[in-house]
PDB file of N, CA and C in Angstrom:
ATOM      1  N   MET A   1       0.610  -1.307   0.348  1.00  0.00           N
ATOM      2  CA  MET A   1      -0.317  -0.052   0.040  1.00  0.00           C
ATOM      3  C   MET A   1       0.499   1.462  -0.135  1.00  0.00           C
ATOM      4  N   ARG A   2       0.136   1.838  -0.703  1.00  0.00           N
ATOM      5  CA  ARG A   2       1.219   3.147  -1.116  1.00  0.00           C
ATOM      6  C   ARG A   2       1.125   4.444   0.395  1.00  0.00           C
ATOM      7  N   LEU A   3       2.663   5.249  -0.001  1.00  0.00           N
ATOM      8  CA  LEU A   3       2.004   6.656   1.936  1.00  0.00           C
ATOM      9  C   LEU A   3       0.720   6.809   1.619  1.00  0.00           C
ATOM     10  N   LYS A   4       0.439   7.116  -0.030  1.00  0.00           N
ATOM     11  CA  LYS A   4      -0.571   9.034   0.623  1.00  0.00           C
ATOM     12  C   LYS A   4      -2.071   7.255   0.816  1.00  0.00           C
ATOM     13  N   GLU A   5      -2.120   5.977   0.704  1.00  0.00           N
ATOM     14  CA  GLU A   5      -3.179   5.335   0.506  1.00  0.00           C
ATOM     15  C   GLU A   5      -3.346   5.221   1.847  1.00  0.00           C
ATOM     16  N   LYS A   6      -2.318   4.836   2.786  1.00  0.00           N
ATOM     17  CA  LYS A   6      -2.122   4.291   3.966  1.00  0.00           C
ATOM     18  C   LYS A   6      -1.861   5.659   5.267  1.00  0.00           C
ATOM     19  N   LEU A   7      -2.229   6.650   4.572  1.00  0.00           N
ATOM     20  CA  LEU A   7      -2.647   8.155   5.306  1.00  0.00           C
ATOM     21  C   LEU A   7      -4.354   8.519   5.539  1.00  0.00           C
ATOM     22  N   HIS A   8      -4.487   8.408   4.129  1.00  0.00           N
ATOM     23  CA  HIS A   8      -5.890   8.609   3.895  1.00  0.00           C
ATOM     24  C   HIS A   8      -6.650   7.229   4.770  1.00  0.00           C
ATOM     25  N   LYS A   9      -6.552   6.152   5.052  1.00  0.00           N
ATOM     26  CA  LYS A   9      -6.870   5.063   5.723  1.00  0.00           C
ATOM     27  C   LYS A   9      -6.862   5.410   7.256  1.00  0.00           C
ATOM     28  N   TYR A  10      -4.971   5.693   7.775  1.00  0.00           N
ATOM     29  CA  TYR A  10      -5.213   6.410   9.318  1.00  0.00           C
ATOM     30  C   TYR A  10      -6.196   7.194   9.476  1.00  0.00           C
ATOM     31  N   ILE A  11      -6.167   8.514   8.939  1.00  0.00           N
ATOM     32  CA  ILE A  11      -7.696   9.515   9.118  1.00  0.00           C
ATOM     33  C   ILE A  11      -8.690   8.801   8.470  1.00  0.00           C
ATOM     34  N   THR A  12      -9.091   8.395   7.623  1.00  0.00           N
ATOM     35  CA  THR A  12     -10.174   7.408   8.328  1.00  0.00           C
ATOM     36  C   THR A  12     -10.320   6.920   9.185  1.00  0.00           C
ATOM     37  N   GLU A  13     -10.173   5.694   9.896  1.00  0.00           N
ATOM     38  CA  GLU A  13      -9.983   5.226  10.912  1.00  0.00           C
ATOM     39  C   GLU A  13     -10.523   5.814  12.219  1.00  0.00           C
ATOM     40  N   HIS A  14      -9.650   7.069  12.477  1.00  0.00           N
ATOM     41  CA  HIS A  14      -9.135   7.635  13.486  1.00  0.00           C
ATOM     42  C   HIS A  14     -10.725   8.947  13.367  1.00  0.00           C
ATOM     43  N   GLY A  15     -10.879   8.757  12.473  1.00  0.00           N
ATOM     44  CA  GLY A  15     -11.891  10.041  11.929  1.00  0.00           C
ATOM     45  C   GLY A  15     -11.604  11.418  11.916  1.00  0.00           C
ATOM     46  N   PHE A  16     -10.879  11.490  11.533  1.00  0.00           N
ATOM     47  CA  PHE A  16      -9.658  12.484  11.331  1.00  0.00           C
ATOM     48  C   PHE A  16     -10.205  13.620  10.652  1.00  0.00           C
ATOM     49  N   GLN A  17      -9.884  14.711   9.984  1.00  0.00           N
ATOM     50  CA  GLN A  17      -9.939  16.162   9.331  1.00  0.00           C
ATOM     51  C   GLN A  17      -8.651  15.480   8.220  1.00  0.00           C
ATOM     52  N   LYS A  18      -8.893  15.809   7.209  1.00  0.00           N
ATOM     53  CA  LYS A  18      -7.578  15.722   6.190  1.00  0.00           C
ATOM     54  C   LYS A  18      -6.165  16.561   6.703  1.00  0.00           C
ATOM     55  N   ARG A  19      -6.636  17.506   7.185  1.00  0.00           N
ATOM     56  CA  ARG A  19      -6.118  18.483   7.326  1.00  0.00           C
ATOM     57  C   ARG A  19      -5.482  18.552   8.902  1.00  0.00           C
ATOM     58  N   TRP A  20      -6.428  18.246   9.684  1.00  0.00           N
ATOM     59  CA  TRP A  20      -5.481  18.380  10.987  1.00  0.00           C
ATOM     60  C   TRP A  20      -4.418  17.440  11.557  1.00  0.00           C
ATOM     61  N   LEU A  21      -3.942  16.830  10.881  1.00  0.00           N
ATOM     62  CA  LEU A  21      -2.862  15.919  10.603  1.00  0.00           C
ATOM     63  C   LEU A  21      -1.450  16.525  10.293  1.00  0.00           C
ATOM     64  N   GLY A  22      -1.852  17.132   9.136  1.00  0.00           N
ATOM     65  CA  GLY A  22      -0.727  18.556   9.007  1.00  0.00           C
ATOM     66  C   GLY A  22      -0.960  19.486   9.956  1.00  0.00           C
ATOM     67  N   SER A  23      -0.819  19.439  10.463  1.00  0.00           N
ATOM     68  CA  SER A  23      -1.666  20.461  10.993  1.00  0.00           C
ATOM     69  C   SER A  23      -0.446  19.903  12.559  1.00  0.00           C
ATOM     70  N   GLN A  24      -0.514  19.583  12.840  1.00  0.00           N
ATOM     71  CA  GLN A  24      -0.321  18.829  13.977  1.00  0.00           C
ATOM     72  C   GLN A  24       1.062  18.690  13.195  1.00  0.00           C
ATOM     73  N   LEU A  25       1.569  18.623  12.278  1.00  0.00           N
ATOM     74  CA  LEU A  25       2.978  17.978  11.802  1.00  0.00           C
ATOM     75  C   LEU A  25       2.737  19.962  11.634  1.00  0.00           C
ATOM     76  N   GLY A  26       2.797  20.375  11.623  1.00  0.00           N
ATOM     77  CA  GLY A  26       3.319  22.275  11.618  1.00  0.00           C
ATOM     78  C   GLY A  26       2.985  22.064   9.819  1.00  0.00           C
ATOM     79  N   MET A  27       2.461  22.037   9.683  1.00  0.00           N
ATOM     80  CA  MET A  27       2.512  21.499   7.410  1.00  0.00           C
ATOM     81  C   MET A  27       0.836  23.648   7.301  1.00  0.00           C
ATOM     82  N   LYS A  28       1.627  23.422   5.928  1.00  0.00           N
ATOM     83  CA  LYS A  28       0.358  24.410   5.995  1.00  0.00           C
ATOM     84  C   LYS A  28      -0.110  23.358   5.014  1.00  0.00           C
ATOM     85  N   ASN A  29      -2.055  24.312   4.792  1.00  0.00           N
ATOM     86  CA  ASN A  29      -2.688  23.036   4.479  1.00  0.00           C
ATOM     87  C   ASN A  29      -2.415  22.780   2.739  1.00  0.00           C
ATOM     88  N   GLN A  30      -2.295  23.128   2.102  1.00  0.00           N
ATOM     89  CA  GLN A  30      -1.642  23.333   0.336  1.00  0.00           C
ATOM     90  C   GLN A  30      -0.673  22.057   0.280  1.00  0.00           C
ATOM     91  N   GLN A  31       0.973  22.370   1.044  1.00  0.00           N
ATOM     92  CA  GLN A  31       1.477  21.124   1.234  1.00  0.00           C
ATOM     93  C   GLN A  31       0.780  20.030   1.272  1.00  0.00           C
ATOM     94  N   TRP A  32       0.067  19.607   2.894  1.00  0.00           N
ATOM     95  CA  TRP A  32      -0.036  18.103   3.139  1.00  0.00           C
ATOM     96  C   TRP A  32      -0.865  18.275   2.396  1.00  0.00           C
ATOM     97  N   SER A  33      -1.572  18.891   1.618  1.00  0.00           N
ATOM     98  CA  SER A  33      -2.951  18.712   0.528  1.00  0.00           C
ATOM     99  C   SER A  33      -1.857  17.781  -1.207  1.00  0.00           C
ATOM    100  N   GLN A  34      -1.058  18.576  -1.136  1.00  0.00           N
ATOM    101  CA  GLN A  34      -0.359  18.093  -2.151  1.00  0.00           C
ATOM    102  C   GLN A  34       0.151  16.336  -1.570  1.00  0.00           C
ATOM    103  N   ILE A  35       1.164  16.579  -0.165  1.00  0.00           N
ATOM    104  CA  ILE A  35       1.392  15.194   0.038  1.00  0.00           C
ATOM    105  C   ILE A  35       0.501  13.748  -0.225  1.00  0.00           C
ATOM    106  N   LEU A  36      -0.386  14.703   0.392  1.00  0.00           N
ATOM    107  CA  LEU A  36      -2.204  13.540   0.367  1.00  0.00           C
ATOM    108  C   LEU A  36      -2.210  13.211  -0.743  1.00  0.00           C
ATOM    109  N   GLY A  37      -1.979  13.952  -1.674  1.00  0.00           N
ATOM    110  CA  GLY A  37      -2.516  13.630  -3.292  1.00  0.00           C
ATOM    111  C   GLY A  37      -1.414  13.121  -3.825  1.00  0.00           C
ATOM    112  N   GLY A  38      -0.471  12.406  -3.111  1.00  0.00           N
ATOM    113  CA  GLY A  38       0.953  11.886  -3.896  1.00  0.00           C
ATOM    114  C   GLY A  38       1.423  12.656  -4.639  1.00  0.00           C
ATOM    115  N   HIS A  39       1.614  13.909  -4.981  1.00  0.00           N
ATOM    116  CA  HIS A  39       2.200  14.554  -5.570  1.00  0.00           C
ATOM    117  C   HIS A  39       3.512  15.275  -4.909  1.00  0.00           C
ATOM    118  N   THR A  40       3.846  15.865  -3.922  1.00  0.00           N
ATOM    119  CA  THR A  40       4.830  15.938  -3.354  1.00  0.00           C
ATOM    120  C   THR A  40       5.004  15.363  -2.509  1.00  0.00           C
ATOM    121  N   PRO A  41       6.627  14.688  -2.220  1.00  0.00           N
ATOM    122  CA  PRO A  41       6.881  13.928  -1.205  1.00  0.00           C
ATOM    123  C   PRO A  41       7.045  14.101  -0.105  1.00  0.00           C
ATOM    124  N   LEU A  42       6.556  13.886   1.154  1.00  0.00           N
ATOM    125  CA  LEU A  42       6.463  14.634   2.868  1.00  0.00           C
ATOM    126  C   LEU A  42       7.845  14.273   2.665  1.00  0.00           C
ATOM    127  N   PRO A  43       8.321  15.865   2.697  1.00  0.00           N
ATOM    128  CA  PRO A  43      10.010  16.316   3.721  1.00  0.00           C
ATOM    129  C   PRO A  43      10.221  15.226   4.651  1.00  0.00           C
ATOM    130  N   LYS A  44      11.821  14.582   4.260  1.00  0.00           N
ATOM    131  CA  LYS A  44      12.217  14.154   5.764  1.00  0.00           C
ATOM    132  C   LYS A  44      12.276  14.284   7.150  1.00  0.00           C
ATOM    133  N   ARG A  45      11.864  15.760   7.337  1.00  0.00           N
ATOM    134  CA  ARG A  45      12.058  16.289   8.529  1.00  0.00           C
ATOM    135  C   ARG A  45      10.826  15.852   8.955  1.00  0.00           C
ATOM    136  N   TYR A  46      10.090  16.043   8.128  1.00  0.00           N
ATOM    137  CA  TYR A  46       9.061  15.482   9.469  1.00  0.00           C
ATOM    138  C   TYR A  46       8.462  13.630   9.408  1.00  0.00           C
ATOM    139  N   TRP A  47       9.091  13.154   8.992  1.00  0.00           N
ATOM    140  CA  TRP A  47       8.960  11.547   9.278  1.00  0.00           C
ATOM    141  C   TRP A  47       9.262  11.426  10.765  1.00  0.00           C
ATOM    142  N   ILE A  48       9.893  11.683  11.632  1.00  0.00           N
ATOM    143  CA  ILE A  48       9.688  11.218  12.406  1.00  0.00           C
ATOM    144  C   ILE A  48       8.527  11.770  13.394  1.00  0.00           C
ATOM    145  N   PRO A  49       8.549  12.927  12.923  1.00  0.00           N
ATOM    146  CA  PRO A  49       6.993  13.360  13.341  1.00  0.00           C
ATOM    147  C   PRO A  49       5.915  12.591  13.302  1.00  0.00           C
ATOM    148  N   LEU A  50       5.730  12.414  11.967  1.00  0.00           N
ATOM    149  CA  LEU A  50       4.337  11.351  11.350  1.00  0.00           C
ATOM    150  C   LEU A  50       4.610   9.491  12.404  1.00  0.00           C
ATOM    151  N   ILE A  51       6.089   9.578  12.122  1.00  0.00           N
ATOM    152  CA  ILE A  51       5.929   7.544  13.049  1.00  0.00           C
ATOM    153  C   ILE A  51       5.162   8.361  14.497  1.00  0.00           C
ATOM    154  N   LYS A  52       6.109   9.472  14.706  1.00  0.00           N
ATOM    155  CA  LYS A  52       5.680   8.968  16.149  1.00  0.00           C
ATOM    156  C   LYS A  52       3.685   9.596  16.716  1.00  0.00           C
ATOM    157  N   LEU A  53       3.588  10.432  15.459  1.00  0.00           N
ATOM    158  CA  LEU A  53       2.215  11.000  16.107  1.00  0.00           C
ATOM    159  C   LEU A  53       0.873  10.288  15.564  1.00  0.00           C
ATOM    160  N   THR A  54       1.576   9.573  14.431  1.00  0.00           N
ATOM    161  CA  THR A  54       0.239   8.318  14.175  1.00  0.00           C
ATOM    162  C   THR A  54       0.968   6.892  15.305  1.00  0.00           C
ATOM    163  N   ASN A  55       1.817   6.495  15.879  1.00  0.00           N
ATOM    164  CA  ASN A  55       2.029   6.225  16.590  1.00  0.00           C
ATOM    165  C   ASN A  55       2.507   4.811  16.229  1.00  0.00           C
ATOM    166  N   GLY A  56       3.243   4.768  14.987  1.00  0.00           N
ATOM    167  CA  GLY A  56       4.215   3.557  14.052  1.00  0.00           C
ATOM    168  C   GLY A  56       2.545   3.613  13.461  1.00  0.00           C
ATOM    169  N   LYS A  57       1.976   3.466  12.819  1.00  0.00           N
ATOM    170  CA  LYS A  57       0.640   3.147  11.962  1.00  0.00           C
ATOM    171  C   LYS A  57       1.389   3.287  10.435  1.00  0.00           C
ATOM    172  N   ILE A  58       1.745   4.616  10.471  1.00  0.00           N
ATOM    173  CA  ILE A  58       2.684   5.057   9.018  1.00  0.00           C
ATOM    174  C   ILE A  58       4.530   4.272   9.496  1.00  0.00           C
ATOM    175  N   THR A  59       5.248   3.690   9.371  1.00  0.00           N
ATOM    176  CA  THR A  59       5.860   3.084   9.899  1.00  0.00           C
ATOM    177  C   THR A  59       7.075   4.002   8.551  1.00  0.00           C
ATOM    178  N   PHE A  60       8.664   4.027   9.208  1.00  0.00           N
ATOM    179  CA  PHE A  60       9.899   3.543   8.363  1.00  0.00           C
ATOM    180  C   PHE A  60       9.757   3.388   7.566  1.00  0.00           C
ATOM    181  N   SER A  61       9.096   2.274   7.430  1.00  0.00           N
ATOM    182  CA  SER A  61       9.459   1.268   6.150  1.00  0.00           C
ATOM    183  C   SER A  61       8.718   2.308   5.623  1.00  0.00           C
ATOM    184  N   ASP A  62       7.309   2.801   5.393  1.00  0.00           N
ATOM    185  CA  ASP A  62       6.593   2.645   4.530  1.00  0.00           C
ATOM    186  C   ASP A  62       7.038   4.513   4.198  1.00  0.00           C
ATOM    187  N   LEU A  63       8.287   5.078   4.399  1.00  0.00           N
ATOM    188  CA  LEU A  63       8.630   6.362   4.359  1.00  0.00           C
ATOM    189  C   LEU A  63       9.504   6.096   3.711  1.00  0.00           C
ATOM    190  N   ILE A  64      10.645   4.958   3.680  1.00  0.00           N
ATOM    191  CA  ILE A  64      11.778   4.721   2.608  1.00  0.00           C
ATOM    192  C   ILE A  64      10.633   4.511   1.572  1.00  0.00           C
ATOM    193  N   GLU A  65      10.299   3.057   1.642  1.00  0.00           N
ATOM    194  CA  GLU A  65       9.951   2.480  -0.184  1.00  0.00           C
ATOM    195  C   GLU A  65       8.939   3.628  -0.778  1.00  0.00           C
ATOM    196  N   GLU A  66       8.391   4.078  -0.495  1.00  0.00           N
ATOM    197  CA  GLU A  66       7.761   5.522  -1.405  1.00  0.00           C
ATOM    198  C   GLU A  66       9.621   6.251  -1.600  1.00  0.00           C
ATOM    199  N   THR A  67       9.990   7.180  -1.021  1.00  0.00           N
ATOM    200  CA  THR A  67      11.498   7.574  -1.357  1.00  0.00           C
ATOM    201  C   THR A  67      11.910   6.784  -2.096  1.00  0.00           C
ATOM    202  N   PHE A  68      11.588   5.230  -2.476  1.00  0.00           N
ATOM    203  CA  PHE A  68      12.577   4.567  -3.233  1.00  0.00           C
ATOM    204  C   PHE A  68      11.822   3.820  -4.442  1.00  0.00           C
ATOM    205  N   ALA A  69      10.375   3.706  -4.908  1.00  0.00           N
ATOM    206  CA  ALA A  69       9.565   3.598  -5.180  1.00  0.00           C
ATOM    207  C   ALA A  69       9.699   3.518  -6.357  1.00  0.00           C
ATOM    208  N   GLU A  70      10.283   4.438  -7.246  1.00  0.00           N
ATOM    209  CA  GLU A  70      10.409   3.806  -8.947  1.00  0.00           C
ATOM    210  C   GLU A  70      12.195   3.104  -8.965  1.00  0.00           C
ATOM    211  N   VAL A  71      12.860   3.293  -8.092  1.00  0.00           N
ATOM    212  CA  VAL A  71      14.129   2.483  -7.847  1.00  0.00           C
ATOM    213  C   VAL A  71      13.475   0.950  -7.274  1.00  0.00           C
ATOM    214  N   GLU A  72      13.957   0.694  -8.987  1.00  0.00           N
ATOM    215  CA  GLU A  72      13.027  -0.987  -8.649  1.00  0.00           C
ATOM    216  C   GLU A  72      14.108  -1.922  -8.575  1.00  0.00           C
ATOM    217  N   PHE A  73      15.608  -1.216  -8.280  1.00  0.00           N
ATOM    218  CA  PHE A  73      16.056  -2.686  -7.332  1.00  0.00           C
ATOM    219  C   PHE A  73      16.930  -2.804  -5.842  1.00  0.00           C
ATOM    220  N   ILE A  74      15.844  -1.383  -5.604  1.00  0.00           N
ATOM    221  CA  ILE A  74      15.508  -1.316  -3.961  1.00  0.00           C
ATOM    222  C   ILE A  74      14.683  -2.006  -3.313  1.00  0.00           C
ATOM    223  N   GLU A  75      15.011  -2.649  -2.334  1.00  0.00           N
ATOM    224  CA  GLU A  75      13.645  -3.769  -2.332  1.00  0.00           C
ATOM    225  C   GLU A  75      13.830  -3.018  -0.574  1.00  0.00           C
ATOM    226  N   VAL A  76      12.319  -2.695   0.023  1.00  0.00           N
ATOM    227  CA  VAL A  76      12.288  -2.937   1.673  1.00  0.00           C
ATOM    228  C   VAL A  76      11.190  -3.415   1.794  1.00  0.00           C
ATOM    229  N   LYS A  77      11.715  -3.869   2.825  1.00  0.00           N
ATOM    230  CA  LYS A  77      10.885  -4.862   4.223  1.00  0.00           C
ATOM    231  C   LYS A  77      10.800  -4.200   5.610  1.00  0.00           C
ATOM    232  N   GLU A  78       9.886  -4.458   6.196  1.00  0.00           N
ATOM    233  CA  GLU A  78       9.337  -3.990   7.510  1.00  0.00           C
ATOM    234  C   GLU A  78      10.188  -4.626   8.333  1.00  0.00           C
ATOM    235  N   SER A  79      10.241  -4.324   9.509  1.00  0.00           N
ATOM    236  CA  SER A  79      11.080  -4.319  10.748  1.00  0.00           C
ATOM    237  C   SER A  79       9.757  -5.058  11.336  1.00  0.00           C
ATOM    238  N   LYS A  80      10.423  -5.930  12.916  1.00  0.00           N
ATOM    239  CA  LYS A  80       9.609  -5.468  13.763  1.00  0.00           C
ATOM    240  C   LYS A  80       9.010  -3.741  14.627  1.00  0.00           C
ATOM    241  N   ASP A  81       9.831  -3.398  14.466  1.00  0.00           N
ATOM    242  CA  ASP A  81      10.318  -2.240  15.194  1.00  0.00           C
ATOM    243  C   ASP A  81      10.004  -1.092  14.124  1.00  0.00           C
ATOM    244  N   PHE A  82       8.665  -0.443  14.723  1.00  0.00           N
ATOM    245  CA  PHE A  82       8.165   0.203  13.790  1.00  0.00           C
ATOM    246  C   PHE A  82       8.819   1.842  12.711  1.00  0.00           C
ATOM    247  N   LYS A  83      10.857   2.057  14.128  1.00  0.00           N
ATOM    248  CA  LYS A  83      11.183   2.863  13.396  1.00  0.00           C
ATOM    249  C   LYS A  83      12.208   2.032  12.237  1.00  0.00           C
ATOM    250  N   GLU A  84      12.433   1.116  12.631  1.00  0.00           N
ATOM    251  CA  GLU A  84      14.048   0.540  11.119  1.00  0.00           C
ATOM    252  C   GLU A  84      12.784   0.068  10.218  1.00  0.00           C
ATOM    253  N   CYS A  85      14.096  -0.683   9.326  1.00  0.00           N
ATOM    254  CA  CYS A  85      13.773  -1.043   8.020  1.00  0.00           C
ATOM    255  C   CYS A  85      14.646  -2.296   7.473  1.00  0.00           C
ATOM    256  N   LEU A  86      14.475  -2.327   6.538  1.00  0.00           N
ATOM    257  CA  LEU A  86      15.535  -2.957   5.844  1.00  0.00           C
ATOM    258  C   LEU A  86      15.627  -3.096   4.562  1.00  0.00           C
ATOM    259  N   LEU A  87      17.012  -2.633   3.760  1.00  0.00           N
ATOM    260  CA  LEU A  87      17.066  -1.718   2.758  1.00  0.00           C
ATOM    261  C   LEU A  87      17.864  -3.615   2.116  1.00  0.00           C
ATOM    262  N   SER A  88      17.803  -3.773   0.581  1.00  0.00           N
ATOM    263  CA  SER A  88      18.975  -4.917   0.312  1.00  0.00           C
ATOM    264  C   SER A  88      18.224  -4.291  -1.047  1.00  0.00           C
ATOM    265  N   LEU A  89      19.510  -4.329  -1.564  1.00  0.00           N
ATOM    266  CA  LEU A  89      20.100  -4.309  -3.436  1.00  0.00           C
ATOM    267  C   LEU A  89      19.460  -5.764  -4.000  1.00  0.00           C
ATOM    268  N   LYS A  90      17.860  -5.683  -5.009  1.00  0.00           N
ATOM    269  CA  LYS A  90      18.543  -6.256  -5.665  1.00  0.00           C
ATOM    270  C   LYS A  90      19.591  -6.867  -7.363  1.00  0.00           C
ATOM    271  N   TYR A  91      19.819  -7.442  -7.249  1.00  0.00           N
ATOM    272  CA  TYR A  91      20.668  -8.480  -8.954  1.00  0.00           C
ATOM    273  C   TYR A  91      22.180  -7.293  -8.223  1.00  0.00           C
ATOM    274  N   PHE A  92      22.312  -7.267  -6.900  1.00  0.00           N
ATOM    275  CA  PHE A  92      23.699  -6.798  -6.866  1.00  0.00           C
ATOM    276  C   PHE A  92      24.341  -7.845  -6.984  1.00  0.00           C
ATOM    277  N   ASN A  93      25.595  -7.266  -8.261  1.00  0.00           N
ATOM    278  CA  ASN A  93      26.694  -8.148  -8.530  1.00  0.00           C
ATOM    279  C   ASN A  93      27.836  -7.993  -8.712  1.00  0.00           C
ATOM    280  N   THR A  94      28.662  -8.215  -7.697  1.00  0.00           N
ATOM    281  CA  THR A  94      29.393  -7.844  -7.273  1.00  0.00           C
ATOM    282  C   THR A  94      31.423  -7.873  -8.273  1.00  0.00           C
ATOM    283  N   SER A  95      31.213  -8.768  -8.649  1.00  0.00           N
ATOM    284  CA  SER A  95      32.106  -8.529 -10.160  1.00  0.00           C
ATOM    285  C   SER A  95      32.080  -6.990 -10.893  1.00  0.00           C
ATOM    286  N   ALA A  96      33.365  -7.046 -10.637  1.00  0.00           N
ATOM    287  CA  ALA A  96      33.407  -4.992 -11.350  1.00  0.00           C
ATOM    288  C   ALA A  96      33.429  -5.104 -12.621  1.00  0.00           C
ATOM    289  N   THR A  97      33.578  -6.317 -13.548  1.00  0.00           N
ATOM    290  CA  THR A  97      33.635  -6.391 -14.920  1.00  0.00           C
ATOM    291  C   THR A  97      32.110  -6.386 -15.634  1.00  0.00           C
ATOM    292  N   ASP A  98      31.271  -7.326 -14.957  1.00  0.00           N
ATOM    293  CA  ASP A  98      30.018  -7.068 -15.373  1.00  0.00           C
ATOM    294  C   ASP A  98      28.585  -5.711 -15.418  1.00  0.00           C
TER     295      ASP A  98
END
């Protein structure tokens, strides 16, 4: 599930207004709206506050996965701790000649 979908799900499940979560992070409505729409990435300075604010429902793994979504050779896996994730490079070849 993409980050914007997880954010919408979290907002809906908790009965929040969309702008409430953004305001708790200290964002302007327009910036938050762009993030919820998937048009703008969430600035990294908001990652930890968002994880804390959602009590780990949005995880570090979600944020990293969104950041590297277009990089097909990076795989992101959730960790047991929502503040951590596992990154691996797929198709990594150690030979310098290939």
